[in-house]
Every structure is written in C-alpha cells, then in structure tokens.
Amino acid sequence: MNPDRVHIFKNTVFKKGSESAKVVFSGLDQMEIGAAVEFGGNGQNLNPEEMFVAAINSCLMNTFFYFTHKFNIEFLSYTSQAEGRLEKQSDGFRFTSVEVRAKIEISDGKDYGKVQEAGKLAEKYCLVSRSVACSVDYKLEILNKYS
C-alpha cells in the first residue's frame, strides 16, 4: 500500500416503505440491517454495533494473515471471537473496549515464535482497531497439533 495515497471505502444504506433497511457494500449483495435488540430491533438483521465489533475482529484476522503470509507460516486453522463492551457514559452510549480472543492451530512447533510475532504485529498495525476510540485487546492462543 502506498502511504501517500488516499483510499475511499463506500457503502449505501437505504429503506423502502415497510421493508427492512439494507446496506450495500462495494461489490456485494445487499444485506438487511436494523437496530440491535437492546435498542428496539427485532434481532433478525445485522446491526451497527455487531458490524463495529466484526470490523475490528476481521481486520485483526486479515492483518494477522498478512504477516503469516509474509513470514511463510502455514497453519491448520484460525478462529477468533470478539466481544465489544457498550456502556452508557455521561454523553450517551459508547464502546469502551473490544476484546478479541483468537486461536490458531499450527502443525509445526518451530513456527511458534513467528506466530507470536505475527500476532503482535497484527495488534500493532490493524488499521480499524487503530482508528477507534475504545481500547482493543487482541490475545492469540497458539495450539500445536503435535505437542
């Protein structure tokens, strides 16, 4: 990526009559969106709060994958679960923290140190987590299939 360039990311949200609201991301089909159950939604659609937490979770994963590819690390599986903490503050609700717990399964113990380094670099360079006001905690558990 050229650091001198500006990158623009777009999406469109819309609602027609009594239909569910929808979001269209560049190149993808539309997806139904709505309020979280906690804010009067029906729980049937994506909501901004979950998309916020998912954006952080998926960006950390993609950044981690970038570094595992760069370090020639092969892994068997990667899974991460994210939890965002939304709290009422004096000026309204806001996310105060997001915790991401990732597990990676490797088959070769010699890659353990490189996997740890890739995790640290993902936490440092994930552009979405670096762009939010709340704290983001990324923990990576490394499982060795043959240990």
N, C-alpha and C. Protein backbone atom coordinates (compact mmCIF):
# COMPACT_ATOMS: atom_id res chain seq x y z
N MET A 1 0.84 -1.17 0.00
CA MET A 1 0.00 0.00 0.00
C MET A 1 0.89 1.23 0.00
N ASN A 2 0.56 2.17 -0.84
CA ASN A 2 1.31 3.42 -0.91
C ASN A 2 0.81 4.35 0.19
N PRO A 3 1.66 4.73 1.15
CA PRO A 3 1.20 5.54 2.28
C PRO A 3 0.80 6.95 1.88
N ASP A 4 1.16 7.40 0.68
CA ASP A 4 0.81 8.75 0.23
C ASP A 4 -0.55 8.81 -0.45
N ARG A 5 -1.16 7.67 -0.68
CA ARG A 5 -2.44 7.63 -1.38
C ARG A 5 -3.60 7.63 -0.39
N VAL A 6 -4.69 8.15 -0.82
CA VAL A 6 -5.92 8.11 -0.05
C VAL A 6 -6.79 7.01 -0.62
N HIS A 7 -7.36 6.20 0.24
CA HIS A 7 -8.25 5.12 -0.18
C HIS A 7 -9.65 5.45 0.31
N ILE A 8 -10.62 5.31 -0.54
CA ILE A 8 -12.00 5.61 -0.21
C ILE A 8 -12.79 4.31 -0.17
N PHE A 9 -13.54 4.09 0.89
CA PHE A 9 -14.40 2.92 1.03
C PHE A 9 -15.83 3.41 1.17
N LYS A 10 -16.73 2.85 0.36
CA LYS A 10 -18.10 3.34 0.32
C LYS A 10 -19.09 2.23 0.61
N ASN A 11 -20.23 2.62 1.11
CA ASN A 11 -21.38 1.74 1.20
C ASN A 11 -22.62 2.61 1.13
N THR A 12 -23.74 1.98 0.90
CA THR A 12 -25.02 2.69 0.82
C THR A 12 -26.01 1.99 1.74
N VAL A 13 -26.75 2.76 2.51
CA VAL A 13 -27.85 2.21 3.30
C VAL A 13 -29.14 2.83 2.79
N PHE A 14 -30.21 2.03 2.80
CA PHE A 14 -31.48 2.54 2.31
C PHE A 14 -32.64 1.75 2.91
N LYS A 15 -33.81 2.33 2.85
CA LYS A 15 -35.04 1.69 3.33
C LYS A 15 -36.17 2.15 2.42
N LYS A 16 -37.01 1.19 1.99
CA LYS A 16 -38.17 1.49 1.14
C LYS A 16 -39.43 1.06 1.89
N GLY A 17 -40.29 2.00 2.12
CA GLY A 17 -41.58 1.70 2.74
C GLY A 17 -41.45 0.89 4.01
N SER A 18 -42.19 -0.22 4.07
CA SER A 18 -42.19 -1.06 5.27
C SER A 18 -41.14 -2.17 5.21
N GLU A 19 -40.33 -2.19 4.15
CA GLU A 19 -39.27 -3.21 4.05
C GLU A 19 -38.19 -2.94 5.08
N SER A 20 -37.38 -3.96 5.35
CA SER A 20 -36.23 -3.78 6.24
C SER A 20 -35.22 -2.86 5.57
N ALA A 21 -34.50 -2.12 6.39
CA ALA A 21 -33.39 -1.31 5.87
C ALA A 21 -32.32 -2.26 5.35
N LYS A 22 -31.52 -1.78 4.40
CA LYS A 22 -30.48 -2.62 3.81
C LYS A 22 -29.19 -1.82 3.66
N VAL A 23 -28.09 -2.55 3.60
CA VAL A 23 -26.79 -1.95 3.32
C VAL A 23 -26.21 -2.67 2.11
N VAL A 24 -25.54 -1.91 1.26
CA VAL A 24 -24.85 -2.47 0.11
C VAL A 24 -23.40 -2.04 0.22
N PHE A 25 -22.53 -3.02 0.29
CA PHE A 25 -21.09 -2.77 0.29
C PHE A 25 -20.60 -2.89 -1.13
N SER A 26 -19.46 -2.31 -1.43
CA SER A 26 -18.95 -2.35 -2.80
C SER A 26 -18.81 -3.78 -3.29
N GLY A 27 -19.54 -4.09 -4.36
CA GLY A 27 -19.41 -5.39 -5.00
C GLY A 27 -20.17 -6.52 -4.35
N LEU A 28 -20.86 -6.28 -3.25
CA LEU A 28 -21.57 -7.36 -2.55
C LEU A 28 -23.08 -7.16 -2.65
N ASP A 29 -23.80 -8.26 -2.47
CA ASP A 29 -25.25 -8.16 -2.42
C ASP A 29 -25.67 -7.35 -1.19
N GLN A 30 -26.87 -6.84 -1.24
CA GLN A 30 -27.38 -6.09 -0.10
C GLN A 30 -27.68 -7.02 1.07
N MET A 31 -27.54 -6.48 2.27
CA MET A 31 -27.83 -7.23 3.48
C MET A 31 -28.78 -6.40 4.34
N GLU A 32 -29.72 -7.08 4.97
CA GLU A 32 -30.67 -6.38 5.82
C GLU A 32 -29.98 -5.91 7.10
N ILE A 33 -30.30 -4.69 7.49
CA ILE A 33 -29.74 -4.11 8.71
C ILE A 33 -30.88 -3.56 9.56
N GLY A 34 -30.60 -3.37 10.82
CA GLY A 34 -31.59 -2.79 11.73
C GLY A 34 -30.96 -2.52 13.08
N ALA A 35 -31.76 -2.07 13.97
CA ALA A 35 -31.29 -1.77 15.32
C ALA A 35 -31.04 -3.07 16.09
N ALA A 36 -30.11 -3.00 17.04
CA ALA A 36 -29.88 -4.12 17.95
C ALA A 36 -31.12 -4.31 18.81
N VAL A 37 -31.33 -5.52 19.30
CA VAL A 37 -32.47 -5.81 20.16
C VAL A 37 -32.50 -4.85 21.36
N GLU A 38 -31.31 -4.55 21.88
CA GLU A 38 -31.21 -3.66 23.04
C GLU A 38 -31.73 -2.25 22.74
N PHE A 39 -31.83 -1.92 21.46
CA PHE A 39 -32.29 -0.59 21.06
C PHE A 39 -33.58 -0.67 20.24
N GLY A 40 -34.37 -1.71 20.48
CA GLY A 40 -35.68 -1.81 19.86
C GLY A 40 -35.73 -2.61 18.57
N GLY A 41 -34.63 -3.20 18.15
CA GLY A 41 -34.62 -4.01 16.94
C GLY A 41 -35.24 -5.37 17.16
N ASN A 42 -35.46 -6.09 16.06
CA ASN A 42 -36.09 -7.40 16.15
C ASN A 42 -35.09 -8.55 16.24
N GLY A 43 -33.80 -8.27 16.12
CA GLY A 43 -32.80 -9.32 16.22
C GLY A 43 -32.65 -10.17 14.97
N GLN A 44 -33.31 -9.79 13.88
CA GLN A 44 -33.27 -10.57 12.65
C GLN A 44 -32.25 -10.07 11.64
N ASN A 45 -31.65 -8.91 11.90
CA ASN A 45 -30.78 -8.29 10.91
C ASN A 45 -29.43 -7.91 11.52
N LEU A 46 -28.47 -7.62 10.64
CA LEU A 46 -27.21 -7.05 11.11
C LEU A 46 -27.48 -5.72 11.77
N ASN A 47 -26.72 -5.41 12.80
CA ASN A 47 -26.87 -4.09 13.41
C ASN A 47 -25.51 -3.41 13.48
N PRO A 48 -25.49 -2.09 13.59
CA PRO A 48 -24.22 -1.36 13.57
C PRO A 48 -23.26 -1.77 14.69
N GLU A 49 -23.81 -2.11 15.84
CA GLU A 49 -22.95 -2.50 16.96
C GLU A 49 -22.19 -3.79 16.66
N GLU A 50 -22.89 -4.78 16.11
CA GLU A 50 -22.21 -6.03 15.75
C GLU A 50 -21.25 -5.83 14.59
N MET A 51 -21.63 -4.97 13.63
CA MET A 51 -20.74 -4.71 12.50
C MET A 51 -19.47 -3.99 12.96
N PHE A 52 -19.59 -3.12 13.96
CA PHE A 52 -18.42 -2.43 14.52
C PHE A 52 -17.45 -3.45 15.11
N VAL A 53 -17.96 -4.35 15.95
CA VAL A 53 -17.11 -5.37 16.58
C VAL A 53 -16.56 -6.32 15.51
N ALA A 54 -17.39 -6.69 14.53
CA ALA A 54 -16.93 -7.58 13.45
C ALA A 54 -15.85 -6.92 12.60
N ALA A 55 -15.94 -5.61 12.39
CA ALA A 55 -14.92 -4.91 11.61
C ALA A 55 -13.57 -5.00 12.31
N ILE A 56 -13.56 -4.85 13.61
CA ILE A 56 -12.30 -4.96 14.36
C ILE A 56 -11.79 -6.39 14.32
N ASN A 57 -12.67 -7.35 14.58
CA ASN A 57 -12.29 -8.76 14.59
C ASN A 57 -11.73 -9.19 13.23
N SER A 58 -12.42 -8.85 12.15
CA SER A 58 -11.97 -9.28 10.83
C SER A 58 -10.72 -8.54 10.37
N CYS A 59 -10.56 -7.28 10.78
CA CYS A 59 -9.34 -6.55 10.42
C CYS A 59 -8.13 -7.16 11.13
N LEU A 60 -8.28 -7.50 12.40
CA LEU A 60 -7.18 -8.15 13.11
C LEU A 60 -6.82 -9.47 12.44
N MET A 61 -7.84 -10.24 12.04
CA MET A 61 -7.59 -11.51 11.36
C MET A 61 -6.84 -11.28 10.05
N ASN A 62 -7.33 -10.34 9.23
CA ASN A 62 -6.68 -10.09 7.94
C ASN A 62 -5.26 -9.57 8.10
N THR A 63 -5.04 -8.73 9.10
CA THR A 63 -3.69 -8.22 9.36
C THR A 63 -2.78 -9.36 9.83
N PHE A 64 -3.32 -10.23 10.68
CA PHE A 64 -2.57 -11.41 11.11
C PHE A 64 -2.22 -12.28 9.91
N PHE A 65 -3.18 -12.52 9.02
CA PHE A 65 -2.93 -13.33 7.82
C PHE A 65 -1.86 -12.68 6.94
N TYR A 66 -1.86 -11.37 6.85
CA TYR A 66 -0.83 -10.67 6.07
C TYR A 66 0.56 -11.03 6.59
N PHE A 67 0.72 -10.99 7.91
CA PHE A 67 2.04 -11.27 8.48
C PHE A 67 2.38 -12.76 8.44
N THR A 68 1.39 -13.65 8.61
CA THR A 68 1.71 -15.08 8.50
C THR A 68 2.15 -15.42 7.07
N HIS A 69 1.53 -14.77 6.10
CA HIS A 69 1.95 -14.98 4.70
C HIS A 69 3.37 -14.44 4.49
N LYS A 70 3.62 -13.26 5.02
CA LYS A 70 4.94 -12.64 4.88
C LYS A 70 6.04 -13.50 5.53
N PHE A 71 5.70 -14.14 6.66
CA PHE A 71 6.67 -14.98 7.39
C PHE A 71 6.64 -16.43 6.92
N ASN A 72 5.86 -16.74 5.87
CA ASN A 72 5.74 -18.11 5.36
C ASN A 72 5.30 -19.11 6.43
N ILE A 73 4.31 -18.72 7.20
CA ILE A 73 3.77 -19.58 8.24
C ILE A 73 2.54 -20.29 7.68
N GLU A 74 2.55 -21.59 7.79
CA GLU A 74 1.36 -22.36 7.41
C GLU A 74 0.65 -22.77 8.69
N PHE A 75 -0.66 -22.62 8.68
CA PHE A 75 -1.43 -23.00 9.87
C PHE A 75 -2.62 -23.84 9.45
N LEU A 76 -3.15 -24.60 10.40
CA LEU A 76 -4.25 -25.51 10.13
C LEU A 76 -5.60 -24.83 10.28
N SER A 77 -5.72 -23.94 11.25
CA SER A 77 -6.99 -23.25 11.45
C SER A 77 -6.77 -21.97 12.25
N TYR A 78 -7.73 -21.06 12.09
CA TYR A 78 -7.75 -19.80 12.84
C TYR A 78 -9.20 -19.51 13.18
N THR A 79 -9.46 -19.21 14.42
CA THR A 79 -10.79 -18.83 14.88
C THR A 79 -10.63 -17.69 15.87
N SER A 80 -11.48 -16.69 15.76
CA SER A 80 -11.43 -15.62 16.76
C SER A 80 -12.84 -15.21 17.14
N GLN A 81 -13.00 -14.92 18.41
CA GLN A 81 -14.27 -14.43 18.93
C GLN A 81 -14.02 -13.05 19.51
N ALA A 82 -14.94 -12.14 19.22
CA ALA A 82 -14.79 -10.77 19.69
C ALA A 82 -16.00 -10.37 20.52
N GLU A 83 -15.72 -9.56 21.52
CA GLU A 83 -16.77 -9.05 22.39
C GLU A 83 -16.55 -7.56 22.61
N GLY A 84 -17.54 -6.78 22.25
CA GLY A 84 -17.47 -5.34 22.45
C GLY A 84 -18.29 -4.94 23.65
N ARG A 85 -17.73 -4.09 24.46
CA ARG A 85 -18.42 -3.62 25.67
C ARG A 85 -18.98 -2.22 25.39
N LEU A 86 -20.31 -2.11 25.40
CA LEU A 86 -21.01 -0.86 25.16
C LEU A 86 -21.54 -0.36 26.50
N GLU A 87 -21.14 0.84 26.88
CA GLU A 87 -21.54 1.36 28.19
C GLU A 87 -22.13 2.75 28.05
N LYS A 88 -23.10 3.04 28.92
CA LYS A 88 -23.68 4.37 28.95
C LYS A 88 -22.72 5.29 29.69
N GLN A 89 -22.36 6.37 29.04
CA GLN A 89 -21.47 7.39 29.60
C GLN A 89 -22.29 8.66 29.83
N SER A 90 -21.68 9.68 30.36
CA SER A 90 -22.40 10.93 30.61
C SER A 90 -22.92 11.56 29.32
N ASP A 91 -22.25 11.28 28.20
CA ASP A 91 -22.67 11.86 26.92
C ASP A 91 -23.40 10.84 26.03
N GLY A 92 -23.79 9.70 26.58
CA GLY A 92 -24.50 8.68 25.82
C GLY A 92 -23.72 7.38 25.75
N PHE A 93 -24.27 6.42 25.01
CA PHE A 93 -23.62 5.12 24.87
C PHE A 93 -22.37 5.23 24.01
N ARG A 94 -21.37 4.42 24.36
CA ARG A 94 -20.17 4.32 23.54
C ARG A 94 -19.48 2.99 23.86
N PHE A 95 -18.75 2.49 22.89
CA PHE A 95 -17.93 1.30 23.14
C PHE A 95 -16.75 1.71 24.00
N THR A 96 -16.52 0.97 25.07
CA THR A 96 -15.40 1.27 25.95
C THR A 96 -14.25 0.29 25.76
N SER A 97 -14.55 -0.88 25.21
CA SER A 97 -13.48 -1.85 24.93
C SER A 97 -13.99 -2.92 23.98
N VAL A 98 -13.04 -3.51 23.27
CA VAL A 98 -13.31 -4.68 22.45
C VAL A 98 -12.21 -5.68 22.76
N GLU A 99 -12.62 -6.90 23.08
CA GLU A 99 -11.67 -7.98 23.33
C GLU A 99 -11.79 -9.00 22.20
N VAL A 100 -10.67 -9.36 21.63
CA VAL A 100 -10.63 -10.38 20.57
C VAL A 100 -9.75 -11.52 21.06
N ARG A 101 -10.33 -12.70 21.10
CA ARG A 101 -9.61 -13.90 21.53
C ARG A 101 -9.50 -14.82 20.32
N ALA A 102 -8.28 -15.01 19.85
CA ALA A 102 -8.03 -15.82 18.66
C ALA A 102 -7.30 -17.10 19.04
N LYS A 103 -7.59 -18.14 18.29
CA LYS A 103 -6.88 -19.42 18.42
C LYS A 103 -6.38 -19.81 17.05
N ILE A 104 -5.12 -20.16 17.00
CA ILE A 104 -4.55 -20.65 15.75
C ILE A 104 -3.94 -22.01 16.03
N GLU A 105 -4.18 -22.93 15.11
CA GLU A 105 -3.61 -24.26 15.23
C GLU A 105 -2.51 -24.42 14.19
N ILE A 106 -1.33 -24.76 14.67
CA ILE A 106 -0.20 -24.96 13.78
C ILE A 106 0.23 -26.42 13.87
N SER A 107 0.89 -26.90 12.84
CA SER A 107 1.35 -28.29 12.84
C SER A 107 2.85 -28.37 13.11
N ASP A 108 3.53 -27.25 13.06
CA ASP A 108 4.97 -27.25 13.21
C ASP A 108 5.36 -26.32 14.36
N GLY A 109 5.85 -26.90 15.45
CA GLY A 109 6.23 -26.11 16.62
C GLY A 109 7.32 -25.09 16.36
N LYS A 110 8.11 -25.27 15.30
CA LYS A 110 9.20 -24.32 15.03
C LYS A 110 8.66 -22.96 14.60
N ASP A 111 7.39 -22.90 14.20
CA ASP A 111 6.79 -21.62 13.81
C ASP A 111 6.21 -20.84 14.99
N TYR A 112 6.27 -21.39 16.19
CA TYR A 112 5.62 -20.78 17.35
C TYR A 112 6.04 -19.32 17.55
N GLY A 113 7.32 -19.05 17.52
CA GLY A 113 7.81 -17.69 17.72
C GLY A 113 7.37 -16.75 16.63
N LYS A 114 7.38 -17.23 15.39
CA LYS A 114 6.94 -16.39 14.27
C LYS A 114 5.44 -16.10 14.36
N VAL A 115 4.66 -17.07 14.84
CA VAL A 115 3.22 -16.86 15.01
C VAL A 115 2.98 -15.82 16.09
N GLN A 116 3.72 -15.90 17.19
CA GLN A 116 3.60 -14.89 18.25
C GLN A 116 3.91 -13.50 17.70
N GLU A 117 4.96 -13.39 16.92
CA GLU A 117 5.34 -12.11 16.33
C GLU A 117 4.27 -11.60 15.38
N ALA A 118 3.69 -12.48 14.57
CA ALA A 118 2.62 -12.08 13.66
C ALA A 118 1.42 -11.55 14.45
N GLY A 119 1.12 -12.16 15.58
CA GLY A 119 0.03 -11.68 16.43
C GLY A 119 0.30 -10.30 16.99
N LYS A 120 1.53 -10.06 17.45
CA LYS A 120 1.90 -8.74 17.96
C LYS A 120 1.83 -7.68 16.87
N LEU A 121 2.28 -8.03 15.68
CA LEU A 121 2.24 -7.08 14.57
C LEU A 121 0.81 -6.81 14.12
N ALA A 122 -0.04 -7.83 14.15
CA ALA A 122 -1.45 -7.63 13.80
C ALA A 122 -2.09 -6.65 14.76
N GLU A 123 -1.83 -6.81 16.04
CA GLU A 123 -2.38 -5.89 17.04
C GLU A 123 -1.85 -4.47 16.83
N LYS A 124 -0.61 -4.35 16.48
CA LYS A 124 0.01 -3.04 16.29
C LYS A 124 -0.48 -2.34 15.02
N TYR A 125 -0.69 -3.09 13.93
CA TYR A 125 -0.94 -2.47 12.63
C TYR A 125 -2.37 -2.60 12.11
N CYS A 126 -3.27 -3.24 12.82
CA CYS A 126 -4.67 -3.33 12.36
C CYS A 126 -5.24 -1.93 12.25
N LEU A 127 -5.58 -1.52 11.03
CA LEU A 127 -6.00 -0.13 10.82
C LEU A 127 -7.35 0.18 11.45
N VAL A 128 -8.25 -0.77 11.53
CA VAL A 128 -9.54 -0.49 12.15
C VAL A 128 -9.40 -0.30 13.65
N SER A 129 -8.69 -1.20 14.32
CA SER A 129 -8.55 -1.05 15.77
C SER A 129 -7.73 0.19 16.13
N ARG A 130 -6.82 0.60 15.25
CA ARG A 130 -6.06 1.83 15.49
C ARG A 130 -6.90 3.07 15.26
N SER A 131 -8.06 2.93 14.63
CA SER A 131 -8.90 4.06 14.26
C SER A 131 -10.06 4.31 15.22
N VAL A 132 -10.22 3.46 16.20
CA VAL A 132 -11.36 3.60 17.12
C VAL A 132 -10.90 4.20 18.44
N ALA A 133 -11.86 4.81 19.17
CA ALA A 133 -11.55 5.48 20.43
C ALA A 133 -11.44 4.51 21.60
N CYS A 134 -12.09 3.36 21.52
CA CYS A 134 -12.04 2.43 22.65
C CYS A 134 -10.79 1.57 22.59
N SER A 135 -10.48 0.93 23.72
CA SER A 135 -9.33 0.03 23.75
C SER A 135 -9.68 -1.27 23.03
N VAL A 136 -8.67 -1.86 22.39
CA VAL A 136 -8.82 -3.14 21.72
C VAL A 136 -7.73 -4.07 22.25
N ASP A 137 -8.15 -5.20 22.78
CA ASP A 137 -7.22 -6.17 23.34
C ASP A 137 -7.28 -7.43 22.48
N TYR A 138 -6.13 -7.79 21.88
CA TYR A 138 -6.04 -8.96 20.99
C TYR A 138 -5.16 -10.00 21.67
N LYS A 139 -5.73 -11.14 21.95
CA LYS A 139 -4.99 -12.24 22.56
C LYS A 139 -5.01 -13.42 21.60
N LEU A 140 -3.84 -14.00 21.39
CA LEU A 140 -3.67 -15.10 20.45
C LEU A 140 -3.19 -16.33 21.20
N GLU A 141 -3.99 -17.40 21.13
CA GLU A 141 -3.60 -18.68 21.71
C GLU A 141 -3.11 -19.57 20.58
N ILE A 142 -1.92 -20.13 20.75
CA ILE A 142 -1.33 -20.96 19.70
C ILE A 142 -1.42 -22.42 20.14
N LEU A 143 -2.08 -23.22 19.31
CA LEU A 143 -2.23 -24.64 19.58
C LEU A 143 -1.36 -25.40 18.60
N ASN A 144 -0.52 -26.29 19.13
CA ASN A 144 0.35 -27.10 18.28
C ASN A 144 -0.28 -28.49 18.18
N LYS A 145 -0.67 -28.87 16.98
CA LYS A 145 -1.38 -30.13 16.78
C LYS A 145 -0.59 -31.33 17.28
N TYR A 146 0.71 -31.27 17.22
CA TYR A 146 1.54 -32.44 17.56
C TYR A 146 2.25 -32.33 18.89
N SER A 147 1.84 -31.39 19.73
CA SER A 147 2.52 -31.30 21.03
C SER A 147 1.74 -31.99 22.11
